[in-house]
């Protein structure tokens, strides 16, 4: 309710605690050096090594969608978040800025490629984005989905649609201009 806790896996005790607002979700960077904490209006960048708060980015008039869905890039310098009002955004901690993306709607789930160079998001639009360039690389506007997974070789995905078709759908991502 009032911060991010680091638990000792042997004793179960809290080793470190960082005071933040209410954080509903966290994501560890690909290299493990950084933890990103997501709250309604703040995104927190925390060092995994020193257990210290490195940066906070306020989303201003663009609150995160509950349950504060987001994911960190490889080194924790950026995050991708699901916002309310049919938007998402890249969060850049070095510039404390948001790059709003309206083509994604409000993603119900997000994932990354194994090297964290790509972001996958979906609600009614299955979207592939470039973490570095902060751009949309490909999109399929078709089925809504509430959860999905990306294969380790990053050219296949499976999503579950419970709203309309109640089934699994498999995507070929080898050509992002034709998902």
N, C-alpha and C. Protein backbone atom coordinates (compact mmCIF):
# COMPACT_ATOMS: atom_id res chain seq x y z
N UNK A 1 0.80 -1.22 0.00
CA UNK A 1 0.00 0.00 0.00
C UNK A 1 0.84 1.28 0.00
N UNK A 2 2.04 1.19 0.52
CA UNK A 2 2.82 2.43 0.65
C UNK A 2 4.23 2.31 0.11
N UNK A 3 4.50 1.27 -0.67
CA UNK A 3 5.83 1.15 -1.22
C UNK A 3 6.08 -0.20 -1.85
N UNK A 4 7.34 -0.39 -2.23
CA UNK A 4 7.78 -1.64 -2.84
C UNK A 4 8.71 -2.33 -1.85
N UNK A 5 8.42 -3.59 -1.56
CA UNK A 5 9.22 -4.36 -0.61
C UNK A 5 10.05 -5.41 -1.33
N UNK A 6 11.26 -5.60 -0.83
CA UNK A 6 12.15 -6.66 -1.29
C UNK A 6 12.22 -7.70 -0.17
N UNK A 7 11.74 -8.91 -0.46
CA UNK A 7 11.67 -9.96 0.55
C UNK A 7 12.87 -10.89 0.47
N UNK A 8 13.33 -11.33 1.61
CA UNK A 8 14.36 -12.34 1.70
C UNK A 8 13.69 -13.69 1.45
N UNK A 9 14.13 -14.40 0.42
CA UNK A 9 13.46 -15.65 0.05
C UNK A 9 13.75 -16.79 1.02
N UNK A 10 14.75 -16.64 1.88
CA UNK A 10 15.04 -17.67 2.88
C UNK A 10 14.21 -17.45 4.13
N UNK A 11 14.18 -16.22 4.63
CA UNK A 11 13.49 -15.93 5.89
C UNK A 11 12.06 -15.45 5.70
N UNK A 12 11.75 -14.91 4.52
CA UNK A 12 10.43 -14.34 4.30
C UNK A 12 10.28 -12.93 4.85
N UNK A 13 11.33 -12.43 5.43
CA UNK A 13 11.30 -11.07 6.00
C UNK A 13 11.58 -10.04 4.92
N UNK A 14 11.16 -8.80 5.19
CA UNK A 14 11.45 -7.70 4.27
C UNK A 14 12.87 -7.21 4.51
N UNK A 15 13.72 -7.29 3.48
CA UNK A 15 15.10 -6.80 3.57
C UNK A 15 15.20 -5.31 3.27
N UNK A 16 14.40 -4.85 2.30
CA UNK A 16 14.43 -3.44 1.89
C UNK A 16 13.02 -3.00 1.55
N UNK A 17 12.73 -1.73 1.82
CA UNK A 17 11.43 -1.17 1.48
C UNK A 17 11.66 0.23 0.92
N UNK A 18 10.98 0.52 -0.17
CA UNK A 18 11.10 1.83 -0.81
C UNK A 18 9.75 2.51 -0.76
N UNK A 19 9.70 3.70 -0.18
CA UNK A 19 8.45 4.43 -0.06
C UNK A 19 8.04 4.99 -1.42
N UNK A 20 6.87 4.59 -1.87
CA UNK A 20 6.27 5.09 -3.10
C UNK A 20 4.78 5.22 -2.82
N UNK A 21 4.02 5.58 -3.81
CA UNK A 21 2.58 5.52 -3.69
C UNK A 21 2.14 4.08 -3.78
N UNK A 22 0.85 3.86 -3.88
CA UNK A 22 0.30 2.51 -3.99
C UNK A 22 0.72 1.92 -5.33
N UNK A 23 1.48 0.85 -5.31
CA UNK A 23 1.96 0.18 -6.51
C UNK A 23 1.17 -1.12 -6.67
N UNK A 24 0.53 -1.28 -7.82
CA UNK A 24 -0.29 -2.47 -8.07
C UNK A 24 0.42 -3.52 -8.90
N UNK A 25 1.52 -3.14 -9.58
CA UNK A 25 2.19 -4.08 -10.46
C UNK A 25 3.65 -3.67 -10.59
N UNK A 26 4.52 -4.63 -10.83
CA UNK A 26 5.94 -4.36 -11.06
C UNK A 26 6.44 -5.16 -12.25
N UNK A 27 7.54 -4.70 -12.84
CA UNK A 27 8.20 -5.43 -13.93
C UNK A 27 9.69 -5.29 -13.74
N UNK A 28 10.39 -6.39 -13.88
CA UNK A 28 11.85 -6.38 -13.78
C UNK A 28 12.43 -6.20 -15.17
N UNK A 29 13.48 -5.38 -15.28
CA UNK A 29 14.12 -5.20 -16.58
C UNK A 29 14.72 -6.52 -17.05
N UNK A 30 14.97 -6.61 -18.34
CA UNK A 30 15.52 -7.84 -18.90
C UNK A 30 16.85 -8.23 -18.31
N UNK A 31 17.70 -7.24 -17.98
CA UNK A 31 19.01 -7.54 -17.39
C UNK A 31 18.96 -7.67 -15.88
N UNK A 32 17.79 -7.47 -15.28
CA UNK A 32 17.62 -7.63 -13.83
C UNK A 32 18.11 -6.47 -12.99
N UNK A 33 18.61 -5.42 -13.59
CA UNK A 33 19.19 -4.30 -12.83
C UNK A 33 18.15 -3.34 -12.27
N UNK A 34 16.95 -3.38 -12.81
CA UNK A 34 15.96 -2.37 -12.47
C UNK A 34 14.59 -2.99 -12.27
N UNK A 35 13.86 -2.42 -11.32
CA UNK A 35 12.46 -2.77 -11.09
C UNK A 35 11.65 -1.53 -11.46
N UNK A 36 10.57 -1.74 -12.22
CA UNK A 36 9.66 -0.65 -12.54
C UNK A 36 8.37 -0.92 -11.79
N UNK A 37 7.91 0.07 -11.02
CA UNK A 37 6.67 -0.03 -10.27
C UNK A 37 5.59 0.83 -10.91
N UNK A 38 4.38 0.30 -11.01
CA UNK A 38 3.29 0.98 -11.69
C UNK A 38 2.17 1.30 -10.70
N UNK A 39 1.83 2.57 -10.60
CA UNK A 39 0.68 3.00 -9.80
C UNK A 39 -0.26 3.76 -10.72
N UNK A 40 -1.33 4.29 -10.19
CA UNK A 40 -2.33 4.96 -11.03
C UNK A 40 -1.75 6.12 -11.84
N UNK A 41 -0.91 6.94 -11.22
CA UNK A 41 -0.39 8.12 -11.91
C UNK A 41 1.12 8.26 -11.89
N UNK A 42 1.82 7.32 -11.30
CA UNK A 42 3.28 7.38 -11.24
C UNK A 42 3.90 6.07 -11.68
N UNK A 43 5.04 6.20 -12.38
CA UNK A 43 5.83 5.04 -12.76
C UNK A 43 7.17 5.22 -12.04
N UNK A 44 7.59 4.22 -11.27
CA UNK A 44 8.80 4.30 -10.45
C UNK A 44 9.90 3.43 -11.05
N UNK A 45 11.12 3.98 -11.10
CA UNK A 45 12.30 3.25 -11.55
C UNK A 45 13.17 3.02 -10.33
N UNK A 46 13.46 1.75 -10.03
CA UNK A 46 14.16 1.39 -8.80
C UNK A 46 15.35 0.50 -9.12
N UNK A 47 16.49 0.77 -8.51
CA UNK A 47 17.68 -0.04 -8.69
C UNK A 47 17.53 -1.35 -7.91
N UNK A 48 17.72 -2.47 -8.61
CA UNK A 48 17.68 -3.78 -7.94
C UNK A 48 18.91 -3.99 -7.06
N UNK A 49 20.01 -3.34 -7.42
CA UNK A 49 21.27 -3.52 -6.68
C UNK A 49 21.32 -2.70 -5.41
N UNK A 50 20.96 -1.42 -5.49
CA UNK A 50 21.05 -0.54 -4.31
C UNK A 50 19.73 -0.38 -3.59
N UNK A 51 18.65 -0.92 -4.18
CA UNK A 51 17.31 -0.80 -3.60
C UNK A 51 16.95 0.67 -3.35
N UNK A 52 17.25 1.50 -4.34
CA UNK A 52 16.96 2.93 -4.20
C UNK A 52 16.10 3.41 -5.36
N UNK A 53 15.30 4.43 -5.08
CA UNK A 53 14.46 5.04 -6.09
C UNK A 53 15.33 5.90 -6.99
N UNK A 54 15.33 5.59 -8.29
CA UNK A 54 16.17 6.32 -9.24
C UNK A 54 15.40 7.43 -9.95
N UNK A 55 14.12 7.20 -10.27
CA UNK A 55 13.33 8.21 -10.98
C UNK A 55 11.85 7.91 -10.81
N UNK A 56 11.05 8.95 -10.95
CA UNK A 56 9.60 8.84 -10.94
C UNK A 56 9.07 9.66 -12.10
N UNK A 57 8.19 9.08 -12.88
CA UNK A 57 7.53 9.80 -13.97
C UNK A 57 6.04 9.84 -13.65
N UNK A 58 5.49 11.05 -13.62
CA UNK A 58 4.07 11.24 -13.38
C UNK A 58 3.35 11.25 -14.71
N UNK A 59 2.23 10.55 -14.79
CA UNK A 59 1.49 10.47 -16.05
C UNK A 59 0.52 11.63 -16.26
N UNK A 60 0.43 12.51 -15.30
CA UNK A 60 -0.41 13.70 -15.45
C UNK A 60 -1.86 13.35 -15.70
N UNK A 61 -2.41 13.86 -16.79
CA UNK A 61 -3.82 13.65 -17.13
C UNK A 61 -4.07 12.31 -17.79
N UNK A 62 -3.07 11.45 -17.85
CA UNK A 62 -3.17 10.14 -18.52
C UNK A 62 -2.96 9.00 -17.52
N UNK A 63 -3.95 8.71 -16.66
CA UNK A 63 -3.75 7.66 -15.66
C UNK A 63 -3.66 6.27 -16.28
N UNK A 64 -2.94 5.40 -15.57
CA UNK A 64 -2.85 4.01 -16.00
C UNK A 64 -4.18 3.32 -15.80
N UNK A 65 -4.45 2.36 -16.69
CA UNK A 65 -5.65 1.56 -16.59
C UNK A 65 -5.46 0.54 -15.49
N UNK A 66 -6.48 0.35 -14.67
CA UNK A 66 -6.41 -0.68 -13.63
C UNK A 66 -6.37 -2.03 -14.31
N UNK A 67 -5.50 -2.93 -13.98
CA UNK A 67 -4.64 -3.05 -12.81
C UNK A 67 -3.20 -2.60 -13.03
N UNK A 68 -3.02 -1.45 -13.63
CA UNK A 68 -1.70 -0.87 -13.87
C UNK A 68 -0.78 -1.83 -14.61
N UNK A 69 -1.10 -2.06 -15.86
CA UNK A 69 -0.35 -2.98 -16.70
C UNK A 69 0.82 -2.25 -17.34
N UNK A 70 2.02 -2.82 -17.22
CA UNK A 70 3.20 -2.25 -17.84
C UNK A 70 4.33 -3.25 -17.88
N UNK A 71 5.37 -2.90 -18.66
CA UNK A 71 6.51 -3.80 -18.78
C UNK A 71 7.77 -2.98 -19.04
N UNK A 72 8.90 -3.45 -18.51
CA UNK A 72 10.18 -2.76 -18.64
C UNK A 72 10.95 -3.25 -19.86
N UNK A 73 11.83 -2.39 -20.38
CA UNK A 73 12.71 -2.80 -21.47
C UNK A 73 13.93 -3.54 -20.91
N UNK A 74 14.94 -3.77 -21.74
CA UNK A 74 16.09 -4.58 -21.35
C UNK A 74 16.87 -4.00 -20.17
N UNK A 75 17.17 -2.69 -20.20
CA UNK A 75 17.99 -2.10 -19.13
C UNK A 75 17.19 -1.27 -18.13
N UNK A 76 15.89 -1.23 -18.25
CA UNK A 76 15.05 -0.50 -17.30
C UNK A 76 15.02 1.00 -17.53
N UNK A 77 15.52 1.46 -18.67
CA UNK A 77 15.50 2.90 -18.96
C UNK A 77 14.15 3.35 -19.50
N UNK A 78 13.32 2.39 -19.93
CA UNK A 78 11.99 2.69 -20.46
C UNK A 78 10.98 1.65 -19.97
N UNK A 79 9.73 2.04 -20.08
CA UNK A 79 8.64 1.10 -19.81
C UNK A 79 7.54 1.37 -20.83
N UNK A 80 6.69 0.38 -21.02
CA UNK A 80 5.51 0.53 -21.85
C UNK A 80 4.32 0.29 -20.94
N UNK A 81 3.31 1.19 -20.97
CA UNK A 81 2.19 1.10 -20.04
C UNK A 81 0.85 1.18 -20.76
N UNK A 82 -0.15 0.59 -20.15
CA UNK A 82 -1.52 0.63 -20.62
C UNK A 82 -2.23 1.78 -19.91
N UNK A 83 -2.75 2.72 -20.70
CA UNK A 83 -3.42 3.89 -20.14
C UNK A 83 -4.92 3.81 -20.36
N UNK A 84 -5.65 4.61 -19.60
CA UNK A 84 -7.09 4.70 -19.80
C UNK A 84 -7.38 5.44 -21.11
N UNK A 85 -8.63 5.51 -21.48
CA UNK A 85 -9.10 6.26 -22.64
C UNK A 85 -8.50 5.79 -23.96
N UNK A 86 -8.34 4.46 -24.11
CA UNK A 86 -7.88 3.86 -25.36
C UNK A 86 -6.51 4.36 -25.81
N UNK A 87 -5.57 4.40 -24.87
CA UNK A 87 -4.20 4.80 -25.17
C UNK A 87 -3.22 3.88 -24.46
N UNK A 88 -1.99 3.96 -24.88
CA UNK A 88 -0.87 3.36 -24.18
C UNK A 88 0.28 4.35 -24.32
N UNK A 89 1.41 4.06 -23.69
CA UNK A 89 2.52 5.01 -23.78
C UNK A 89 3.84 4.33 -23.48
N UNK A 90 4.88 4.87 -24.10
CA UNK A 90 6.24 4.56 -23.71
C UNK A 90 6.65 5.58 -22.67
N UNK A 91 7.27 5.12 -21.59
CA UNK A 91 7.76 5.98 -20.53
C UNK A 91 9.28 6.01 -20.64
N UNK A 92 9.85 7.21 -20.78
CA UNK A 92 11.30 7.36 -20.87
C UNK A 92 11.77 8.01 -19.57
N UNK A 93 12.55 7.26 -18.77
CA UNK A 93 12.97 7.77 -17.47
C UNK A 93 14.05 8.83 -17.57
N UNK A 94 14.88 8.80 -18.61
CA UNK A 94 15.94 9.81 -18.74
C UNK A 94 15.38 11.18 -19.08
N UNK A 95 14.23 11.23 -19.76
CA UNK A 95 13.62 12.52 -20.10
C UNK A 95 12.35 12.79 -19.29
N UNK A 96 11.96 11.85 -18.44
CA UNK A 96 10.72 11.95 -17.64
C UNK A 96 9.51 12.25 -18.52
N UNK A 97 9.43 11.56 -19.66
CA UNK A 97 8.37 11.88 -20.61
C UNK A 97 7.56 10.65 -21.00
N UNK A 98 6.36 10.92 -21.53
CA UNK A 98 5.49 9.89 -22.07
C UNK A 98 5.35 10.11 -23.56
N UNK A 99 5.43 9.04 -24.33
CA UNK A 99 5.14 9.07 -25.76
C UNK A 99 3.83 8.31 -25.93
N UNK A 100 2.72 9.05 -26.10
CA UNK A 100 1.40 8.45 -26.18
C UNK A 100 1.20 7.74 -27.52
N UNK A 101 0.59 6.56 -27.44
CA UNK A 101 0.28 5.76 -28.62
C UNK A 101 -1.24 5.51 -28.60
N UNK A 102 -1.95 5.98 -29.62
CA UNK A 102 -3.40 5.81 -29.64
C UNK A 102 -3.84 4.60 -30.47
N UNK A 103 -2.97 4.04 -31.30
CA UNK A 103 -3.36 2.93 -32.16
C UNK A 103 -3.62 1.62 -31.41
N UNK A 104 -3.18 1.52 -30.17
CA UNK A 104 -3.27 0.25 -29.44
C UNK A 104 -4.57 0.07 -28.67
N UNK A 105 -5.37 1.12 -28.54
CA UNK A 105 -6.45 1.14 -27.55
C UNK A 105 -5.80 0.96 -26.18
N UNK A 106 -6.58 0.60 -25.18
CA UNK A 106 -6.03 0.32 -23.85
C UNK A 106 -5.67 -1.15 -23.80
N UNK A 107 -4.39 -1.51 -23.85
CA UNK A 107 -4.03 -2.94 -23.86
C UNK A 107 -4.49 -3.66 -22.60
N UNK A 108 -5.07 -4.84 -22.80
CA UNK A 108 -5.44 -5.70 -21.69
C UNK A 108 -4.27 -6.55 -21.24
N UNK A 109 -3.28 -6.71 -22.11
CA UNK A 109 -2.06 -7.44 -21.75
C UNK A 109 -0.91 -6.93 -22.59
N UNK A 110 0.29 -7.03 -22.04
CA UNK A 110 1.52 -6.66 -22.76
C UNK A 110 2.57 -7.72 -22.50
N UNK A 111 3.48 -7.88 -23.45
CA UNK A 111 4.59 -8.82 -23.33
C UNK A 111 5.75 -8.25 -24.14
N UNK A 112 6.93 -8.84 -24.00
CA UNK A 112 8.08 -8.41 -24.78
C UNK A 112 8.71 -9.61 -25.48
N UNK A 113 9.54 -9.28 -26.46
CA UNK A 113 10.38 -10.31 -27.07
C UNK A 113 11.45 -10.68 -26.05
N UNK A 114 12.10 -11.84 -26.20
CA UNK A 114 13.12 -12.24 -25.22
C UNK A 114 14.24 -11.21 -25.01
N UNK A 115 14.61 -10.48 -26.06
CA UNK A 115 15.66 -9.47 -25.91
C UNK A 115 15.10 -8.11 -25.51
N UNK A 116 13.81 -8.03 -25.28
CA UNK A 116 13.11 -6.81 -24.85
C UNK A 116 13.21 -5.66 -25.86
N UNK A 117 13.43 -5.97 -27.13
CA UNK A 117 13.46 -4.93 -28.15
C UNK A 117 12.07 -4.65 -28.70
N UNK A 118 11.16 -5.61 -28.57
CA UNK A 118 9.80 -5.45 -29.07
C UNK A 118 8.80 -5.53 -27.93
N UNK A 119 7.69 -4.84 -28.10
CA UNK A 119 6.56 -4.92 -27.17
C UNK A 119 5.37 -5.46 -27.95
N UNK A 120 4.63 -6.36 -27.33
CA UNK A 120 3.40 -6.88 -27.90
C UNK A 120 2.27 -6.46 -26.98
N UNK A 121 1.20 -5.94 -27.55
CA UNK A 121 0.06 -5.55 -26.73
C UNK A 121 -1.22 -5.93 -27.45
N UNK A 122 -2.28 -6.10 -26.67
CA UNK A 122 -3.54 -6.45 -27.31
C UNK A 122 -4.72 -6.06 -26.44
N UNK A 123 -5.71 -5.57 -27.09
CA UNK A 123 -7.07 -5.45 -26.63
C UNK A 123 -7.90 -5.86 -27.83
N UNK A 124 -8.36 -4.93 -28.62
CA UNK A 124 -9.02 -5.28 -29.89
C UNK A 124 -8.06 -5.20 -31.05
N UNK A 125 -6.84 -4.79 -30.77
CA UNK A 125 -5.81 -4.68 -31.79
C UNK A 125 -4.55 -5.37 -31.29
N UNK A 126 -4.12 -6.42 -31.96
CA UNK A 126 -2.84 -7.06 -31.65
C UNK A 126 -1.76 -6.18 -32.28
N UNK A 127 -0.89 -5.61 -31.45
CA UNK A 127 0.06 -4.62 -31.91
C UNK A 127 1.47 -5.02 -31.53
N UNK A 128 2.42 -4.83 -32.46
CA UNK A 128 3.84 -5.03 -32.21
C UNK A 128 4.51 -3.67 -32.30
N UNK A 129 5.27 -3.32 -31.25
CA UNK A 129 5.91 -2.00 -31.17
C UNK A 129 7.41 -2.16 -30.96
N UNK A 130 8.17 -1.16 -31.38
CA UNK A 130 9.62 -1.12 -31.20
C UNK A 130 9.92 -0.33 -29.94
N UNK A 131 10.59 -0.97 -28.96
CA UNK A 131 10.88 -0.31 -27.68
C UNK A 131 11.85 0.86 -27.86
N UNK A 132 12.85 0.71 -28.71
CA UNK A 132 13.86 1.77 -28.89
C UNK A 132 13.30 2.96 -29.64
N UNK A 133 12.65 2.71 -30.79
CA UNK A 133 12.13 3.79 -31.62
C UNK A 133 10.77 4.30 -31.16
N UNK A 134 10.11 3.55 -30.29
CA UNK A 134 8.79 3.90 -29.76
C UNK A 134 7.76 4.08 -30.88
N UNK A 135 7.75 3.11 -31.80
CA UNK A 135 6.85 3.15 -32.95
C UNK A 135 6.10 1.83 -33.10
N UNK A 136 4.98 1.89 -33.80
CA UNK A 136 4.20 0.70 -34.13
C UNK A 136 4.83 0.06 -35.36
N UNK A 137 5.18 -1.23 -35.26
CA UNK A 137 5.78 -1.96 -36.37
C UNK A 137 4.76 -2.77 -37.16
N UNK A 138 3.70 -3.20 -36.51
CA UNK A 138 2.67 -3.99 -37.17
C UNK A 138 1.46 -4.11 -36.29
N UNK A 139 0.31 -4.40 -36.93
CA UNK A 139 -0.93 -4.46 -36.17
C UNK A 139 -1.95 -5.32 -36.91
N UNK A 140 -2.74 -6.04 -36.14
CA UNK A 140 -3.86 -6.80 -36.67
C UNK A 140 -5.10 -6.36 -35.91
N UNK A 141 -6.03 -5.76 -36.62
CA UNK A 141 -7.27 -5.30 -36.00
C UNK A 141 -8.32 -6.36 -36.30
N UNK A 142 -8.64 -7.16 -35.26
CA UNK A 142 -9.56 -8.25 -35.53
C UNK A 142 -10.25 -8.72 -34.26
N UNK A 143 -9.54 -9.43 -33.42
CA UNK A 143 -10.14 -10.07 -32.27
C UNK A 143 -9.70 -9.41 -30.97
N UNK A 144 -10.62 -9.29 -30.04
CA UNK A 144 -10.21 -8.82 -28.71
C UNK A 144 -9.64 -10.01 -27.95
N UNK A 145 -8.67 -9.73 -27.10
CA UNK A 145 -8.10 -10.80 -26.28
C UNK A 145 -7.74 -10.27 -24.91
N UNK A 146 -7.76 -11.17 -23.95
CA UNK A 146 -7.52 -10.78 -22.57
C UNK A 146 -6.19 -11.30 -22.03
N UNK A 147 -5.57 -12.20 -22.77
CA UNK A 147 -4.26 -12.70 -22.35
C UNK A 147 -3.59 -13.32 -23.57
N UNK A 148 -2.28 -13.30 -23.58
CA UNK A 148 -1.55 -13.88 -24.69
C UNK A 148 -0.14 -14.23 -24.29
N UNK A 149 0.54 -14.93 -25.18
CA UNK A 149 1.93 -15.31 -24.93
C UNK A 149 2.68 -15.28 -26.26
N UNK A 150 3.96 -14.94 -26.17
CA UNK A 150 4.84 -14.84 -27.33
C UNK A 150 5.84 -15.99 -27.25
N UNK A 151 6.08 -16.66 -28.37
CA UNK A 151 7.06 -17.76 -28.37
C UNK A 151 8.47 -17.19 -28.23
N UNK A 152 9.39 -17.96 -27.68
CA UNK A 152 10.76 -17.47 -27.49
C UNK A 152 11.47 -17.06 -28.78
N UNK A 153 11.07 -17.62 -29.91
CA UNK A 153 11.73 -17.23 -31.16
C UNK A 153 11.07 -16.02 -31.81
N UNK A 154 10.09 -15.44 -31.14
CA UNK A 154 9.40 -14.18 -31.48
C UNK A 154 8.71 -14.14 -32.83
N UNK A 155 8.42 -15.27 -33.45
CA UNK A 155 7.66 -15.18 -34.69
C UNK A 155 6.30 -15.87 -34.59
N UNK A 156 5.89 -16.22 -33.40
CA UNK A 156 4.57 -16.81 -33.17
C UNK A 156 3.99 -16.26 -31.87
N UNK A 157 2.66 -16.17 -31.85
CA UNK A 157 1.97 -15.74 -30.64
C UNK A 157 0.67 -16.52 -30.53
N UNK A 158 0.18 -16.66 -29.31
CA UNK A 158 -1.13 -17.25 -29.06
C UNK A 158 -1.87 -16.30 -28.13
N UNK A 159 -3.14 -16.05 -28.44
CA UNK A 159 -3.97 -15.20 -27.58
C UNK A 159 -5.28 -15.91 -27.29
N UNK A 160 -5.86 -15.54 -26.18
CA UNK A 160 -7.14 -16.10 -25.78
C UNK A 160 -8.21 -15.03 -25.89
N UNK A 161 -9.25 -15.32 -26.63
CA UNK A 161 -10.38 -14.41 -26.78
C UNK A 161 -11.57 -15.02 -26.06
N UNK A 162 -12.00 -14.37 -24.98
CA UNK A 162 -13.14 -14.91 -24.24
C UNK A 162 -14.41 -14.13 -24.52
N UNK A 163 -14.27 -12.96 -25.12
CA UNK A 163 -15.43 -12.09 -25.31
C UNK A 163 -16.36 -12.58 -26.41
N UNK A 164 -15.81 -12.83 -27.58
CA UNK A 164 -16.66 -13.14 -28.73
C UNK A 164 -16.54 -14.59 -29.19
N UNK A 165 -15.33 -15.09 -29.32
CA UNK A 165 -15.12 -16.41 -29.92
C UNK A 165 -14.74 -17.50 -28.92
N UNK A 166 -14.40 -17.13 -27.70
CA UNK A 166 -14.08 -18.08 -26.64
C UNK A 166 -13.11 -19.17 -27.11
N UNK A 167 -11.95 -18.73 -27.57
CA UNK A 167 -10.99 -19.71 -28.03
C UNK A 167 -9.59 -19.15 -28.13
N UNK A 168 -8.67 -20.02 -28.54
CA UNK A 168 -7.28 -19.64 -28.74
C UNK A 168 -7.06 -19.28 -30.21
N UNK A 169 -6.23 -18.28 -30.42
CA UNK A 169 -5.89 -17.87 -31.77
C UNK A 169 -4.37 -17.77 -31.89
N UNK A 170 -3.84 -18.29 -32.96
CA UNK A 170 -2.41 -18.33 -33.18
C UNK A 170 -2.03 -17.35 -34.28
N UNK A 171 -0.99 -16.55 -34.03
CA UNK A 171 -0.55 -15.53 -34.97
C UNK A 171 0.85 -15.83 -35.46
N UNK A 172 1.06 -15.59 -36.75
CA UNK A 172 2.38 -15.68 -37.35
C UNK A 172 2.93 -14.26 -37.41
N UNK A 173 4.07 -14.04 -36.75
CA UNK A 173 4.66 -12.70 -36.66
C UNK A 173 5.91 -12.55 -37.52
N UNK A 174 6.09 -13.45 -38.47
CA UNK A 174 7.30 -13.38 -39.29
C UNK A 174 7.27 -12.20 -40.27
N UNK A 175 6.09 -11.70 -40.62
CA UNK A 175 5.95 -10.53 -41.48
C UNK A 175 5.02 -9.56 -40.77
N UNK A 176 5.57 -8.53 -40.13
CA UNK A 176 4.75 -7.63 -39.31
C UNK A 176 3.83 -6.75 -40.15
N UNK A 177 4.06 -6.65 -41.43
CA UNK A 177 3.13 -5.91 -42.28
C UNK A 177 1.90 -6.74 -42.65
N UNK A 178 1.95 -8.03 -42.29
CA UNK A 178 0.84 -8.93 -42.58
C UNK A 178 0.73 -9.98 -41.47
N UNK A 179 0.34 -9.54 -40.28
CA UNK A 179 0.21 -10.45 -39.13
C UNK A 179 -0.95 -11.38 -39.38
